[in-house]
């Protein structure tokens, strides 16, 4: 349990990166029902991210919570594969 609490302290006190300085394509996948990491946080990152609008994208999965890779693995895989094909 101590390791978990230490990780929580590190996350809580971490400074956000300078998103505007990042220059690689970005795909954010978020669950519509995520109560742990609400969509507004992902949308904020997307807005601050330093790439051109066409090189960054957010996909919000309906009916999915925080564990989207477990809750909707096929949809997540498809989004990732299509994004990579499109950008690289």
N, C-alpha and C. Protein backbone atom coordinates (compact mmCIF):
# COMPACT_ATOMS: atom_id res chain seq x y z
N UNK A 1 0.82 -1.20 0.00
CA UNK A 1 0.00 0.00 0.00
C UNK A 1 0.86 1.26 0.00
N UNK A 2 2.05 1.19 0.63
CA UNK A 2 2.92 2.37 0.67
C UNK A 2 3.34 2.81 -0.72
N UNK A 3 3.62 1.85 -1.61
CA UNK A 3 4.00 2.20 -2.97
C UNK A 3 2.89 2.93 -3.71
N UNK A 4 1.68 2.47 -3.49
CA UNK A 4 0.52 3.10 -4.11
C UNK A 4 0.36 4.54 -3.62
N UNK A 5 0.50 4.74 -2.32
CA UNK A 5 0.38 6.09 -1.75
C UNK A 5 1.50 6.99 -2.24
N UNK A 6 2.71 6.44 -2.36
CA UNK A 6 3.83 7.23 -2.87
C UNK A 6 3.55 7.68 -4.30
N UNK A 7 3.02 6.77 -5.12
CA UNK A 7 2.69 7.11 -6.50
C UNK A 7 1.64 8.20 -6.54
N UNK A 8 0.63 8.10 -5.70
CA UNK A 8 -0.42 9.12 -5.65
C UNK A 8 0.16 10.48 -5.27
N UNK A 9 1.09 10.51 -4.33
CA UNK A 9 1.72 11.78 -3.93
C UNK A 9 2.51 12.38 -5.08
N UNK A 10 3.23 11.54 -5.80
CA UNK A 10 4.02 12.03 -6.94
C UNK A 10 3.11 12.62 -8.00
N UNK A 11 2.04 11.91 -8.32
CA UNK A 11 1.10 12.39 -9.34
C UNK A 11 0.45 13.70 -8.89
N UNK A 12 0.04 13.76 -7.65
CA UNK A 12 -0.65 14.95 -7.13
C UNK A 12 0.24 16.18 -7.12
N UNK A 13 1.55 15.99 -6.95
CA UNK A 13 2.45 17.15 -6.86
C UNK A 13 3.22 17.42 -8.16
N UNK A 14 2.97 16.65 -9.18
CA UNK A 14 3.70 16.81 -10.45
C UNK A 14 3.24 18.07 -11.18
N UNK A 15 4.17 18.72 -11.83
CA UNK A 15 3.85 19.86 -12.69
C UNK A 15 3.48 19.35 -14.07
N UNK A 16 2.47 19.92 -14.70
CA UNK A 16 2.13 19.48 -16.05
C UNK A 16 3.24 19.85 -17.03
N UNK A 17 3.41 19.05 -18.07
CA UNK A 17 4.44 19.39 -19.07
C UNK A 17 4.03 20.62 -19.86
N UNK A 18 4.96 21.16 -20.60
CA UNK A 18 4.68 22.28 -21.51
C UNK A 18 4.14 21.69 -22.81
N UNK A 19 2.84 21.43 -22.83
CA UNK A 19 2.23 20.77 -23.98
C UNK A 19 2.47 21.52 -25.28
N UNK A 20 2.56 22.83 -25.20
CA UNK A 20 2.74 23.62 -26.43
C UNK A 20 4.08 23.36 -27.11
N UNK A 21 5.03 22.77 -26.39
CA UNK A 21 6.35 22.47 -26.96
C UNK A 21 6.42 21.09 -27.61
N UNK A 22 5.38 20.30 -27.50
CA UNK A 22 5.39 18.94 -28.03
C UNK A 22 5.00 18.99 -29.50
N UNK A 23 5.80 18.33 -30.34
CA UNK A 23 5.61 18.45 -31.78
C UNK A 23 5.50 17.10 -32.48
N UNK A 24 4.75 16.19 -31.91
CA UNK A 24 4.45 14.92 -32.57
C UNK A 24 2.94 14.76 -32.60
N UNK A 25 2.41 14.03 -33.58
CA UNK A 25 0.96 13.84 -33.64
C UNK A 25 0.42 13.26 -32.33
N UNK A 26 -0.82 13.61 -32.02
CA UNK A 26 -1.43 13.21 -30.76
C UNK A 26 -2.82 12.63 -30.97
N UNK A 27 -3.05 11.47 -30.36
CA UNK A 27 -4.38 10.88 -30.28
C UNK A 27 -4.69 10.70 -28.81
N UNK A 28 -5.76 11.33 -28.35
CA UNK A 28 -6.23 11.14 -26.99
C UNK A 28 -7.51 10.31 -27.08
N UNK A 29 -7.54 9.23 -26.31
CA UNK A 29 -8.73 8.40 -26.24
C UNK A 29 -9.28 8.54 -24.82
N UNK A 30 -10.55 8.87 -24.71
CA UNK A 30 -11.16 9.09 -23.40
C UNK A 30 -12.50 8.39 -23.33
N UNK A 31 -12.84 7.94 -22.13
CA UNK A 31 -14.14 7.34 -21.91
C UNK A 31 -15.14 8.41 -21.48
N UNK A 32 -16.28 8.41 -22.11
CA UNK A 32 -17.32 9.40 -21.81
C UNK A 32 -17.74 9.35 -20.33
N UNK A 33 -17.72 8.16 -19.75
CA UNK A 33 -18.17 7.98 -18.37
C UNK A 33 -17.02 7.94 -17.37
N UNK A 34 -15.83 8.38 -17.76
CA UNK A 34 -14.66 8.34 -16.88
C UNK A 34 -14.81 9.35 -15.75
N UNK A 35 -14.88 8.87 -14.52
CA UNK A 35 -14.99 9.74 -13.35
C UNK A 35 -13.63 10.04 -12.75
N UNK A 36 -12.60 9.26 -13.12
CA UNK A 36 -11.25 9.45 -12.59
C UNK A 36 -10.51 10.55 -13.33
N UNK A 37 -10.62 10.56 -14.64
CA UNK A 37 -9.96 11.56 -15.48
C UNK A 37 -11.02 12.14 -16.42
N UNK A 38 -11.76 13.14 -15.96
CA UNK A 38 -12.85 13.70 -16.76
C UNK A 38 -12.38 14.23 -18.12
N UNK A 39 -13.27 14.22 -19.07
CA UNK A 39 -12.97 14.63 -20.45
C UNK A 39 -12.43 16.05 -20.52
N UNK A 40 -12.86 16.93 -19.65
CA UNK A 40 -12.40 18.32 -19.73
C UNK A 40 -10.86 18.40 -19.59
N UNK A 41 -10.26 17.48 -18.84
CA UNK A 41 -8.80 17.46 -18.74
C UNK A 41 -8.15 17.07 -20.06
N UNK A 42 -8.71 16.07 -20.71
CA UNK A 42 -8.20 15.65 -22.02
C UNK A 42 -8.38 16.75 -23.05
N UNK A 43 -9.52 17.42 -23.01
CA UNK A 43 -9.77 18.51 -23.96
C UNK A 43 -8.81 19.67 -23.72
N UNK A 44 -8.46 19.93 -22.47
CA UNK A 44 -7.49 20.98 -22.16
C UNK A 44 -6.12 20.65 -22.72
N UNK A 45 -5.70 19.40 -22.58
CA UNK A 45 -4.42 18.96 -23.14
C UNK A 45 -4.44 19.13 -24.65
N UNK A 46 -5.52 18.69 -25.29
CA UNK A 46 -5.64 18.80 -26.74
C UNK A 46 -5.49 20.25 -27.19
N UNK A 47 -6.15 21.16 -26.49
CA UNK A 47 -6.09 22.58 -26.86
C UNK A 47 -4.69 23.16 -26.68
N UNK A 48 -3.98 22.75 -25.65
CA UNK A 48 -2.65 23.30 -25.37
C UNK A 48 -1.55 22.67 -26.22
N UNK A 49 -1.80 21.49 -26.73
CA UNK A 49 -0.80 20.73 -27.47
C UNK A 49 -0.29 21.52 -28.67
N UNK A 50 1.01 21.48 -28.90
CA UNK A 50 1.65 22.35 -29.87
C UNK A 50 1.53 22.00 -31.34
N UNK A 51 0.85 20.95 -31.69
CA UNK A 51 0.74 20.56 -33.08
C UNK A 51 -0.41 21.30 -33.79
N UNK A 52 -0.35 21.28 -35.14
CA UNK A 52 -1.44 21.83 -35.93
C UNK A 52 -2.72 21.04 -35.63
N UNK A 53 -3.84 21.68 -35.79
CA UNK A 53 -5.13 21.08 -35.47
C UNK A 53 -5.33 19.73 -36.16
N UNK A 54 -4.90 19.61 -37.40
CA UNK A 54 -5.10 18.36 -38.15
C UNK A 54 -4.20 17.22 -37.67
N UNK A 55 -3.22 17.52 -36.82
CA UNK A 55 -2.30 16.50 -36.31
C UNK A 55 -2.59 16.09 -34.87
N UNK A 56 -3.73 16.55 -34.35
CA UNK A 56 -4.12 16.14 -33.00
C UNK A 56 -5.61 15.85 -32.98
N UNK A 57 -5.98 14.86 -32.19
CA UNK A 57 -7.36 14.39 -32.25
C UNK A 57 -7.75 13.80 -30.90
N UNK A 58 -9.01 13.97 -30.54
CA UNK A 58 -9.56 13.31 -29.36
C UNK A 58 -10.71 12.43 -29.81
N UNK A 59 -10.74 11.23 -29.28
CA UNK A 59 -11.83 10.29 -29.53
C UNK A 59 -12.47 9.97 -28.18
N UNK A 60 -13.75 10.23 -28.05
CA UNK A 60 -14.46 9.98 -26.81
C UNK A 60 -15.37 8.78 -27.03
N UNK A 61 -15.17 7.77 -26.21
CA UNK A 61 -15.91 6.53 -26.34
C UNK A 61 -17.17 6.55 -25.49
N UNK A 62 -18.31 6.47 -26.15
CA UNK A 62 -19.61 6.47 -25.46
C UNK A 62 -19.75 5.23 -24.58
N UNK A 63 -20.29 5.43 -23.39
CA UNK A 63 -20.58 4.31 -22.50
C UNK A 63 -19.36 3.63 -21.91
N UNK A 64 -18.22 4.30 -21.96
CA UNK A 64 -16.96 3.72 -21.48
C UNK A 64 -16.40 4.60 -20.38
N UNK A 65 -15.80 3.96 -19.37
CA UNK A 65 -15.24 4.70 -18.25
C UNK A 65 -13.73 4.85 -18.35
N UNK A 66 -13.05 4.76 -17.22
CA UNK A 66 -11.61 5.01 -17.13
C UNK A 66 -10.77 3.90 -17.75
N UNK A 67 -11.26 2.69 -17.72
CA UNK A 67 -10.47 1.54 -18.20
C UNK A 67 -10.84 1.21 -19.64
N UNK A 68 -10.76 2.19 -20.53
CA UNK A 68 -11.24 2.02 -21.90
C UNK A 68 -10.52 0.90 -22.65
N UNK A 69 -9.26 0.64 -22.33
CA UNK A 69 -8.54 -0.46 -23.02
C UNK A 69 -9.12 -1.81 -22.65
N UNK A 70 -9.71 -1.91 -21.47
CA UNK A 70 -10.34 -3.16 -21.02
C UNK A 70 -11.82 -3.17 -21.41
N UNK A 71 -12.46 -2.03 -21.29
CA UNK A 71 -13.90 -1.94 -21.56
C UNK A 71 -14.23 -1.99 -23.06
N UNK A 72 -13.35 -1.47 -23.89
CA UNK A 72 -13.62 -1.40 -25.34
C UNK A 72 -12.34 -1.66 -26.14
N UNK A 73 -11.69 -2.82 -25.93
CA UNK A 73 -10.39 -3.06 -26.57
C UNK A 73 -10.42 -3.02 -28.09
N UNK A 74 -11.47 -3.52 -28.69
CA UNK A 74 -11.54 -3.53 -30.16
C UNK A 74 -11.64 -2.12 -30.71
N UNK A 75 -12.48 -1.30 -30.09
CA UNK A 75 -12.62 0.10 -30.53
C UNK A 75 -11.33 0.86 -30.34
N UNK A 76 -10.67 0.65 -29.20
CA UNK A 76 -9.40 1.35 -28.92
C UNK A 76 -8.35 0.93 -29.95
N UNK A 77 -8.23 -0.36 -30.19
CA UNK A 77 -7.24 -0.84 -31.17
C UNK A 77 -7.49 -0.24 -32.55
N UNK A 78 -8.74 -0.20 -32.95
CA UNK A 78 -9.09 0.36 -34.26
C UNK A 78 -8.72 1.84 -34.35
N UNK A 79 -9.01 2.60 -33.30
CA UNK A 79 -8.67 4.03 -33.29
C UNK A 79 -7.15 4.23 -33.41
N UNK A 80 -6.40 3.44 -32.68
CA UNK A 80 -4.94 3.57 -32.71
C UNK A 80 -4.39 3.20 -34.08
N UNK A 81 -4.84 2.07 -34.61
CA UNK A 81 -4.35 1.63 -35.92
C UNK A 81 -4.67 2.67 -36.99
N UNK A 82 -5.89 3.17 -37.00
CA UNK A 82 -6.28 4.17 -38.01
C UNK A 82 -5.51 5.46 -37.86
N UNK A 83 -5.25 5.88 -36.63
CA UNK A 83 -4.48 7.10 -36.39
C UNK A 83 -3.06 6.94 -36.91
N UNK A 84 -2.44 5.80 -36.61
CA UNK A 84 -1.07 5.56 -37.08
C UNK A 84 -1.02 5.50 -38.59
N UNK A 85 -1.96 4.82 -39.21
CA UNK A 85 -2.00 4.75 -40.68
C UNK A 85 -2.14 6.13 -41.28
N UNK A 86 -2.95 6.97 -40.67
CA UNK A 86 -3.19 8.32 -41.17
C UNK A 86 -2.00 9.24 -41.01
N UNK A 87 -1.28 9.11 -39.90
CA UNK A 87 -0.20 10.06 -39.57
C UNK A 87 1.18 9.58 -39.98
N UNK A 88 1.36 8.28 -40.14
CA UNK A 88 2.70 7.78 -40.43
C UNK A 88 2.66 6.93 -41.67
